[in-house]
Amino acid sequence: LTEFFAKCAPSLVAMEACGSAHHWARTIRSLGHQ
């Protein structure tokens, strides 16, 4: 998953606020996405 978003163009990634959501939100933001 991290590799996939690292190769993606900057995007707005939407998720449900559930288990592990905050971790993935921080990870995705560090890769240049919102």
All heavy atoms as atom14 arrays in JSON, in Angstrom:
{
  "sequence": "LTEFFAKCAPSLVAMEACGSAHHWARTIRSLGHQ",
  "atom14_mask": [
    [1, 1, 1, 1, 1, 1, 1, 1, 0, 0, 0, 0, 0, 0],
    [1, 1, 1, 1, 1, 1, 1, 0, 0, 0, 0, 0, 0, 0],
    [1, 1, 1, 1, 1, 1, 1, 1, 1, 0, 0, 0, 0, 0],
    [1, 1, 1, 1, 1, 1, 1, 1, 1, 1, 1, 0, 0, 0],
    [1, 1, 1, 1, 1, 1, 1, 1, 1, 1, 1, 0, 0, 0],
    [1, 1, 1, 1, 1, 0, 0, 0, 0, 0, 0, 0, 0, 0],
    [1, 1, 1, 1, 1, 1, 1, 1, 1, 0, 0, 0, 0, 0],
    [1, 1, 1, 1, 1, 1, 0, 0, 0, 0, 0, 0, 0, 0],
    [1, 1, 1, 1, 1, 0, 0, 0, 0, 0, 0, 0, 0, 0],
    [1, 1, 1, 1, 1, 1, 1, 0, 0, 0, 0, 0, 0, 0],
    [1, 1, 1, 1, 1, 1, 0, 0, 0, 0, 0, 0, 0, 0],
    [1, 1, 1, 1, 1, 1, 1, 1, 0, 0, 0, 0, 0, 0],
    [1, 1, 1, 1, 1, 1, 1, 0, 0, 0, 0, 0, 0, 0],
    [1, 1, 1, 1, 1, 0, 0, 0, 0, 0, 0, 0, 0, 0],
    [1, 1, 1, 1, 1, 1, 1, 1, 0, 0, 0, 0, 0, 0],
    [1, 1, 1, 1, 1, 1, 1, 1, 1, 0, 0, 0, 0, 0],
    [1, 1, 1, 1, 1, 0, 0, 0, 0, 0, 0, 0, 0, 0],
    [1, 1, 1, 1, 1, 1, 0, 0, 0, 0, 0, 0, 0, 0],
    [1, 1, 1, 1, 0, 0, 0, 0, 0, 0, 0, 0, 0, 0],
    [1, 1, 1, 1, 1, 1, 0, 0, 0, 0, 0, 0, 0, 0],
    [1, 1, 1, 1, 1, 0, 0, 0, 0, 0, 0, 0, 0, 0],
    [1, 1, 1, 1, 1, 1, 1, 1, 1, 1, 0, 0, 0, 0],
    [1, 1, 1, 1, 1, 1, 1, 1, 1, 1, 0, 0, 0, 0],
    [1, 1, 1, 1, 1, 1, 1, 1, 1, 1, 1, 1, 1, 1],
    [1, 1, 1, 1, 1, 0, 0, 0, 0, 0, 0, 0, 0, 0],
    [1, 1, 1, 1, 1, 1, 1, 1, 1, 1, 1, 0, 0, 0],
    [1, 1, 1, 1, 1, 1, 1, 0, 0, 0, 0, 0, 0, 0],
    [1, 1, 1, 1, 1, 1, 1, 1, 0, 0, 0, 0, 0, 0],
    [1, 1, 1, 1, 1, 1, 1, 1, 1, 1, 1, 0, 0, 0],
    [1, 1, 1, 1, 1, 1, 0, 0, 0, 0, 0, 0, 0, 0],
    [1, 1, 1, 1, 1, 1, 1, 1, 0, 0, 0, 0, 0, 0],
    [1, 1, 1, 1, 0, 0, 0, 0, 0, 0, 0, 0, 0, 0],
    [1, 1, 1, 1, 1, 1, 1, 1, 1, 1, 0, 0, 0, 0],
    [1, 1, 1, 1, 1, 1, 1, 1, 1, 0, 0, 0, 0, 0]
  ],
  "atom14_positions": [
    [[0.82, -1.21, 0.0], [0.0, 0.0, 0.0], [0.86, 1.28, 0.0], [0.59, 2.21, -0.76], [-0.94, 0.0, 1.21], [-2.02, 1.09, 1.2], [-2.98, 0.87, 0.04], [-2.79, 1.11, 2.53], [0.0, 0.0, 0.0], [0.0, 0.0, 0.0], [0.0, 0.0, 0.0], [0.0, 0.0, 0.0], [0.0, 0.0, 0.0], [0.0, 0.0, 0.0]],
    [[1.89, 1.3, 0.84], [2.76, 2.48, 0.88], [3.45, 2.7, -0.47], [3.54, 3.83, -0.96], [3.81, 2.32, 1.99], [3.15, 2.12, 3.24], [4.69, 3.56, 2.09], [0.0, 0.0, 0.0], [0.0, 0.0, 0.0], [0.0, 0.0, 0.0], [0.0, 0.0, 0.0], [0.0, 0.0, 0.0], [0.0, 0.0, 0.0], [0.0, 0.0, 0.0]],
    [[3.9, 1.61, -1.07], [4.54, 1.71, -2.38], [3.57, 2.22, -3.44], [3.94, 3.03, -4.3], [5.07, 0.33, -2.78], [5.76, 0.29, -4.13], [6.18, -1.13, -4.52], [6.18, -2.01, -3.63], [6.48, -1.34, -5.71], [0.0, 0.0, 0.0], [0.0, 0.0, 0.0], [0.0, 0.0, 0.0], [0.0, 0.0, 0.0], [0.0, 0.0, 0.0]],
    [[2.3, 1.8, -3.36], [1.29, 2.23, -4.33], [1.11, 3.75, -4.26], [1.12, 4.44, -5.29], [-0.03, 1.52, -4.06], [-1.18, 2.03, -4.87], [-1.39, 1.58, -6.17], [-2.05, 2.99, -4.35], [-2.45, 2.07, -6.93], [-3.1, 3.48, -5.09], [-3.3, 3.02, -6.4], [0.0, 0.0, 0.0], [0.0, 0.0, 0.0], [0.0, 0.0, 0.0]],
    [[0.95, 4.29, -3.04], [0.71, 5.73, -2.91], [1.98, 6.54, -3.18], [1.89, 7.7, -3.56], [0.14, 6.05, -1.53], [-1.32, 5.74, -1.39], [-1.77, 4.7, -0.59], [-2.26, 6.47, -2.09], [-3.12, 4.41, -0.47], [-3.62, 6.19, -1.98], [-4.04, 5.15, -1.18], [0.0, 0.0, 0.0], [0.0, 0.0, 0.0], [0.0, 0.0, 0.0]],
    [[3.15, 5.93, -2.98], [4.39, 6.63, -3.29], [4.52, 6.9, -4.79], [5.14, 7.89, -5.21], [5.58, 5.82, -2.79], [0.0, 0.0, 0.0], [0.0, 0.0, 0.0], [0.0, 0.0, 0.0], [0.0, 0.0, 0.0], [0.0, 0.0, 0.0], [0.0, 0.0, 0.0], [0.0, 0.0, 0.0], [0.0, 0.0, 0.0], [0.0, 0.0, 0.0]],
    [[3.92, 6.04, -5.61], [3.99, 6.17, -7.07], [2.82, 6.98, -7.63], [2.85, 7.37, -8.8], [4.02, 4.79, -7.72], [5.26, 3.97, -7.38], [5.2, 2.6, -8.02], [6.44, 1.77, -7.69], [6.37, 0.42, -8.29], [0.0, 0.0, 0.0], [0.0, 0.0, 0.0], [0.0, 0.0, 0.0], [0.0, 0.0, 0.0], [0.0, 0.0, 0.0]],
    [[1.79, 7.22, -6.82], [0.59, 7.94, -7.29], [0.85, 9.44, -7.38], [1.64, 10.0, -6.63], [-0.58, 7.71, -6.32], [-1.54, 6.25, -6.7], [0.0, 0.0, 0.0], [0.0, 0.0, 0.0], [0.0, 0.0, 0.0], [0.0, 0.0, 0.0], [0.0, 0.0, 0.0], [0.0, 0.0, 0.0], [0.0, 0.0, 0.0], [0.0, 0.0, 0.0]],
    [[0.14, 10.08, -8.28], [0.15, 11.55, -8.33], [-0.58, 12.07, -7.09], [-1.42, 11.37, -6.52], [-0.55, 12.03, -9.6], [0.0, 0.0, 0.0], [0.0, 0.0, 0.0], [0.0, 0.0, 0.0], [0.0, 0.0, 0.0], [0.0, 0.0, 0.0], [0.0, 0.0, 0.0], [0.0, 0.0, 0.0], [0.0, 0.0, 0.0], [0.0, 0.0, 0.0]],
    [[-0.25, 13.29, -6.63], [-0.91, 13.84, -5.44], [-2.43, 13.75, -5.54], [-3.04, 14.17, -6.53], [-0.44, 15.31, -5.43], [0.88, 15.26, -6.12], [0.75, 14.21, -7.2], [0.0, 0.0, 0.0], [0.0, 0.0, 0.0], [0.0, 0.0, 0.0], [0.0, 0.0, 0.0], [0.0, 0.0, 0.0], [0.0, 0.0, 0.0], [0.0, 0.0, 0.0]],
    [[-3.05, 13.18, -4.51], [-4.49, 12.92, -4.52], [-5.07, 13.21, -3.15], [-4.35, 13.36, -2.16], [-4.79, 11.47, -4.91], [-4.17, 11.13, -6.13], [0.0, 0.0, 0.0], [0.0, 0.0, 0.0], [0.0, 0.0, 0.0], [0.0, 0.0, 0.0], [0.0, 0.0, 0.0], [0.0, 0.0, 0.0], [0.0, 0.0, 0.0], [0.0, 0.0, 0.0]],
    [[-6.4, 13.27, -3.11], [-7.12, 13.34, -1.84], [-7.59, 11.93, -1.52], [-8.45, 11.38, -2.21], [-8.31, 14.29, -1.95], [-9.26, 14.31, -0.73], [-8.53, 14.8, 0.52], [-10.47, 15.19, -1.0], [0.0, 0.0, 0.0], [0.0, 0.0, 0.0], [0.0, 0.0, 0.0], [0.0, 0.0, 0.0], [0.0, 0.0, 0.0], [0.0, 0.0, 0.0]],
    [[-7.0, 11.33, -0.49], [-7.31, 9.95, -0.12], [-8.3, 9.98, 1.04], [-7.99, 10.5, 2.12], [-6.04, 9.17, 0.28], [-6.39, 7.72, 0.59], [-4.99, 9.25, -0.82], [0.0, 0.0, 0.0], [0.0, 0.0, 0.0], [0.0, 0.0, 0.0], [0.0, 0.0, 0.0], [0.0, 0.0, 0.0], [0.0, 0.0, 0.0], [0.0, 0.0, 0.0]],
    [[-9.49, 9.44, 0.8], [-10.55, 9.45, 1.81], [-10.68, 8.07, 2.44], [-10.6, 7.05, 1.75], [-11.87, 9.86, 1.18], [0.0, 0.0, 0.0], [0.0, 0.0, 0.0], [0.0, 0.0, 0.0], [0.0, 0.0, 0.0], [0.0, 0.0, 0.0], [0.0, 0.0, 0.0], [0.0, 0.0, 0.0], [0.0, 0.0, 0.0], [0.0, 0.0, 0.0]],
    [[-10.87, 8.06, 3.77], [-11.03, 6.81, 4.52], [-12.07, 7.0, 5.6], [-12.35, 8.14, 6.01], [-9.7, 6.42, 5.19], [-8.55, 6.15, 4.25], [-6.95, 6.17, 5.12], [-6.63, 7.93, 5.17], [0.0, 0.0, 0.0], [0.0, 0.0, 0.0], [0.0, 0.0, 0.0], [0.0, 0.0, 0.0], [0.0, 0.0, 0.0], [0.0, 0.0, 0.0]],
    [[-12.63, 5.9, 6.06], [-13.48, 5.95, 7.24], [-12.6, 6.09, 8.48], [-11.5, 5.53, 8.53], [-14.33, 4.69, 7.36], [-15.49, 4.63, 6.39], [-16.37, 3.4, 6.62], [-15.85, 2.38, 7.1], [-17.57, 3.48, 6.32], [0.0, 0.0, 0.0], [0.0, 0.0, 0.0], [0.0, 0.0, 0.0], [0.0, 0.0, 0.0], [0.0, 0.0, 0.0]],
    [[-13.08, 6.84, 9.47], [-12.34, 6.99, 10.73], [-12.57, 5.74, 11.58], [-13.47, 5.67, 12.4], [-12.81, 8.23, 11.47], [0.0, 0.0, 0.0], [0.0, 0.0, 0.0], [0.0, 0.0, 0.0], [0.0, 0.0, 0.0], [0.0, 0.0, 0.0], [0.0, 0.0, 0.0], [0.0, 0.0, 0.0], [0.0, 0.0, 0.0], [0.0, 0.0, 0.0]],
    [[-11.74, 4.73, 11.35], [-11.88, 3.46, 12.05], [-10.49, 3.02, 12.53], [-9.54, 3.81, 12.53], [-12.5, 2.41, 11.13], [-11.56, 2.14, 9.62], [0.0, 0.0, 0.0], [0.0, 0.0, 0.0], [0.0, 0.0, 0.0], [0.0, 0.0, 0.0], [0.0, 0.0, 0.0], [0.0, 0.0, 0.0], [0.0, 0.0, 0.0], [0.0, 0.0, 0.0]],
    [[-10.35, 1.77, 12.94], [-9.08, 1.27, 13.41], [-7.97, 1.42, 12.39], [-8.15, 1.06, 11.23], [0.0, 0.0, 0.0], [0.0, 0.0, 0.0], [0.0, 0.0, 0.0], [0.0, 0.0, 0.0], [0.0, 0.0, 0.0], [0.0, 0.0, 0.0], [0.0, 0.0, 0.0], [0.0, 0.0, 0.0], [0.0, 0.0, 0.0], [0.0, 0.0, 0.0]],
    [[-6.84, 1.96, 12.83], [-5.62, 2.2, 12.03], [-5.77, 3.36, 11.05], [-4.83, 3.66, 10.3], [-5.18, 0.94, 11.27], [-5.98, 0.7, 10.12], [0.0, 0.0, 0.0], [0.0, 0.0, 0.0], [0.0, 0.0, 0.0], [0.0, 0.0, 0.0], [0.0, 0.0, 0.0], [0.0, 0.0, 0.0], [0.0, 0.0, 0.0], [0.0, 0.0, 0.0]],
    [[-6.91, 4.05, 11.02], [-7.13, 5.13, 10.06], [-6.15, 6.29, 10.28], [-5.62, 6.85, 9.32], [-8.57, 5.64, 10.15], [0.0, 0.0, 0.0], [0.0, 0.0, 0.0], [0.0, 0.0, 0.0], [0.0, 0.0, 0.0], [0.0, 0.0, 0.0], [0.0, 0.0, 0.0], [0.0, 0.0, 0.0], [0.0, 0.0, 0.0], [0.0, 0.0, 0.0]],
    [[-5.91, 6.65, 11.52], [-5.01, 7.77, 11.8], [-3.58, 7.43, 11.38], [-2.84, 8.29, 10.87], [-5.07, 8.16, 13.28], [-6.38, 8.74, 13.68], [-6.7, 10.07, 13.51], [-7.48, 8.16, 14.25], [-7.92, 10.3, 13.96], [-8.41, 9.16, 14.41], [0.0, 0.0, 0.0], [0.0, 0.0, 0.0], [0.0, 0.0, 0.0], [0.0, 0.0, 0.0]],
    [[-3.17, 6.19, 11.59], [-1.83, 5.76, 11.17], [-1.68, 5.88, 9.66], [-0.69, 6.45, 9.17], [-1.59, 4.32, 11.6], [-0.47, 3.65, 10.86], [0.86, 3.96, 11.08], [-0.49, 2.7, 9.87], [1.62, 3.23, 10.27], [0.83, 2.47, 9.54], [0.0, 0.0, 0.0], [0.0, 0.0, 0.0], [0.0, 0.0, 0.0], [0.0, 0.0, 0.0]],
    [[-2.65, 5.37, 8.92], [-2.56, 5.42, 7.46], [-2.7, 6.86, 6.96], [-2.07, 7.23, 5.95], [-3.62, 4.51, 6.84], [-3.27, 3.07, 6.95], [-3.91, 2.11, 7.68], [-2.16, 2.41, 6.33], [-3.29, 0.91, 7.57], [-2.2, 1.05, 6.73], [-1.14, 2.82, 5.49], [-1.26, 0.11, 6.31], [-0.19, 1.89, 5.07], [-0.26, 0.56, 5.48]],
    [[-3.47, 7.68, 7.64], [-3.58, 9.08, 7.22], [-2.23, 9.79, 7.36], [-1.83, 10.56, 6.48], [-4.65, 9.78, 8.06], [0.0, 0.0, 0.0], [0.0, 0.0, 0.0], [0.0, 0.0, 0.0], [0.0, 0.0, 0.0], [0.0, 0.0, 0.0], [0.0, 0.0, 0.0], [0.0, 0.0, 0.0], [0.0, 0.0, 0.0], [0.0, 0.0, 0.0]],
    [[-1.55, 9.54, 8.47], [-0.22, 10.15, 8.65], [0.77, 9.63, 7.6], [1.57, 10.4, 7.04], [0.31, 9.85, 10.06], [-0.45, 10.55, 11.17], [0.31, 10.45, 12.49], [0.44, 9.07, 12.95], [-0.4, 8.47, 13.78], [-1.45, 9.12, 14.26], [-0.2, 7.21, 14.16], [0.0, 0.0, 0.0], [0.0, 0.0, 0.0], [0.0, 0.0, 0.0]],
    [[0.71, 8.33, 7.32], [1.61, 7.74, 6.33], [1.36, 8.32, 4.94], [2.29, 8.68, 4.21], [1.44, 6.21, 6.29], [1.7, 5.68, 7.6], [2.37, 5.57, 5.28], [0.0, 0.0, 0.0], [0.0, 0.0, 0.0], [0.0, 0.0, 0.0], [0.0, 0.0, 0.0], [0.0, 0.0, 0.0], [0.0, 0.0, 0.0], [0.0, 0.0, 0.0]],
    [[0.09, 8.41, 4.57], [-0.28, 8.92, 3.24], [0.09, 10.39, 3.1], [0.57, 10.82, 2.05], [-1.79, 8.68, 3.0], [-2.04, 7.18, 2.79], [-2.3, 9.48, 1.81], [-3.5, 6.79, 2.82], [0.0, 0.0, 0.0], [0.0, 0.0, 0.0], [0.0, 0.0, 0.0], [0.0, 0.0, 0.0], [0.0, 0.0, 0.0], [0.0, 0.0, 0.0]],
    [[-0.08, 11.17, 4.16], [0.32, 12.57, 4.12], [1.82, 12.71, 3.92], [2.29, 13.63, 3.23], [-0.12, 13.28, 5.4], [-1.59, 13.63, 5.44], [-1.94, 14.38, 6.72], [-3.32, 14.86, 6.7], [-3.88, 15.54, 7.68], [-3.18, 15.85, 8.76], [-5.14, 15.95, 7.59], [0.0, 0.0, 0.0], [0.0, 0.0, 0.0], [0.0, 0.0, 0.0]],
    [[2.6, 11.83, 4.54], [4.06, 11.91, 4.41], [4.51, 11.61, 2.99], [5.65, 11.94, 2.62], [4.72, 10.92, 5.38], [4.46, 9.58, 5.0], [0.0, 0.0, 0.0], [0.0, 0.0, 0.0], [0.0, 0.0, 0.0], [0.0, 0.0, 0.0], [0.0, 0.0, 0.0], [0.0, 0.0, 0.0], [0.0, 0.0, 0.0], [0.0, 0.0, 0.0]],
    [[3.64, 11.0, 2.17], [3.96, 10.67, 0.78], [3.5, 11.76, -0.19], [3.56, 11.56, -1.4], [3.33, 9.33, 0.41], [3.84, 8.11, 1.21], [3.01, 6.88, 0.88], [5.31, 7.86, 0.94], [0.0, 0.0, 0.0], [0.0, 0.0, 0.0], [0.0, 0.0, 0.0], [0.0, 0.0, 0.0], [0.0, 0.0, 0.0], [0.0, 0.0, 0.0]],
    [[3.02, 12.88, 0.34], [2.65, 14.01, -0.51], [1.19, 14.09, -0.88], [0.81, 14.92, -1.71], [0.0, 0.0, 0.0], [0.0, 0.0, 0.0], [0.0, 0.0, 0.0], [0.0, 0.0, 0.0], [0.0, 0.0, 0.0], [0.0, 0.0, 0.0], [0.0, 0.0, 0.0], [0.0, 0.0, 0.0], [0.0, 0.0, 0.0], [0.0, 0.0, 0.0]],
    [[0.34, 13.27, -0.27], [-1.09, 13.29, -0.55], [-1.83, 14.03, 0.56], [-1.26, 14.34, 1.61], [-1.64, 11.86, -0.67], [-0.96, 11.04, -1.72], [-1.29, 11.11, -3.06], [0.05, 10.13, -1.62], [-0.54, 10.27, -3.74], [0.28, 9.67, -2.9], [0.0, 0.0, 0.0], [0.0, 0.0, 0.0], [0.0, 0.0, 0.0], [0.0, 0.0, 0.0]],
    [[-3.1, 14.27, 0.34], [-3.99, 14.8, 1.36], [-4.86, 13.65, 1.86], [-5.34, 12.84, 1.07], [-4.87, 15.92, 0.82], [-4.11, 17.16, 0.36], [-3.38, 17.82, 1.49], [-3.94, 18.06, 2.56], [-2.1, 18.11, 1.28], [0.0, 0.0, 0.0], [0.0, 0.0, 0.0], [0.0, 0.0, 0.0], [0.0, 0.0, 0.0], [0.0, 0.0, 0.0]]
  ]
}
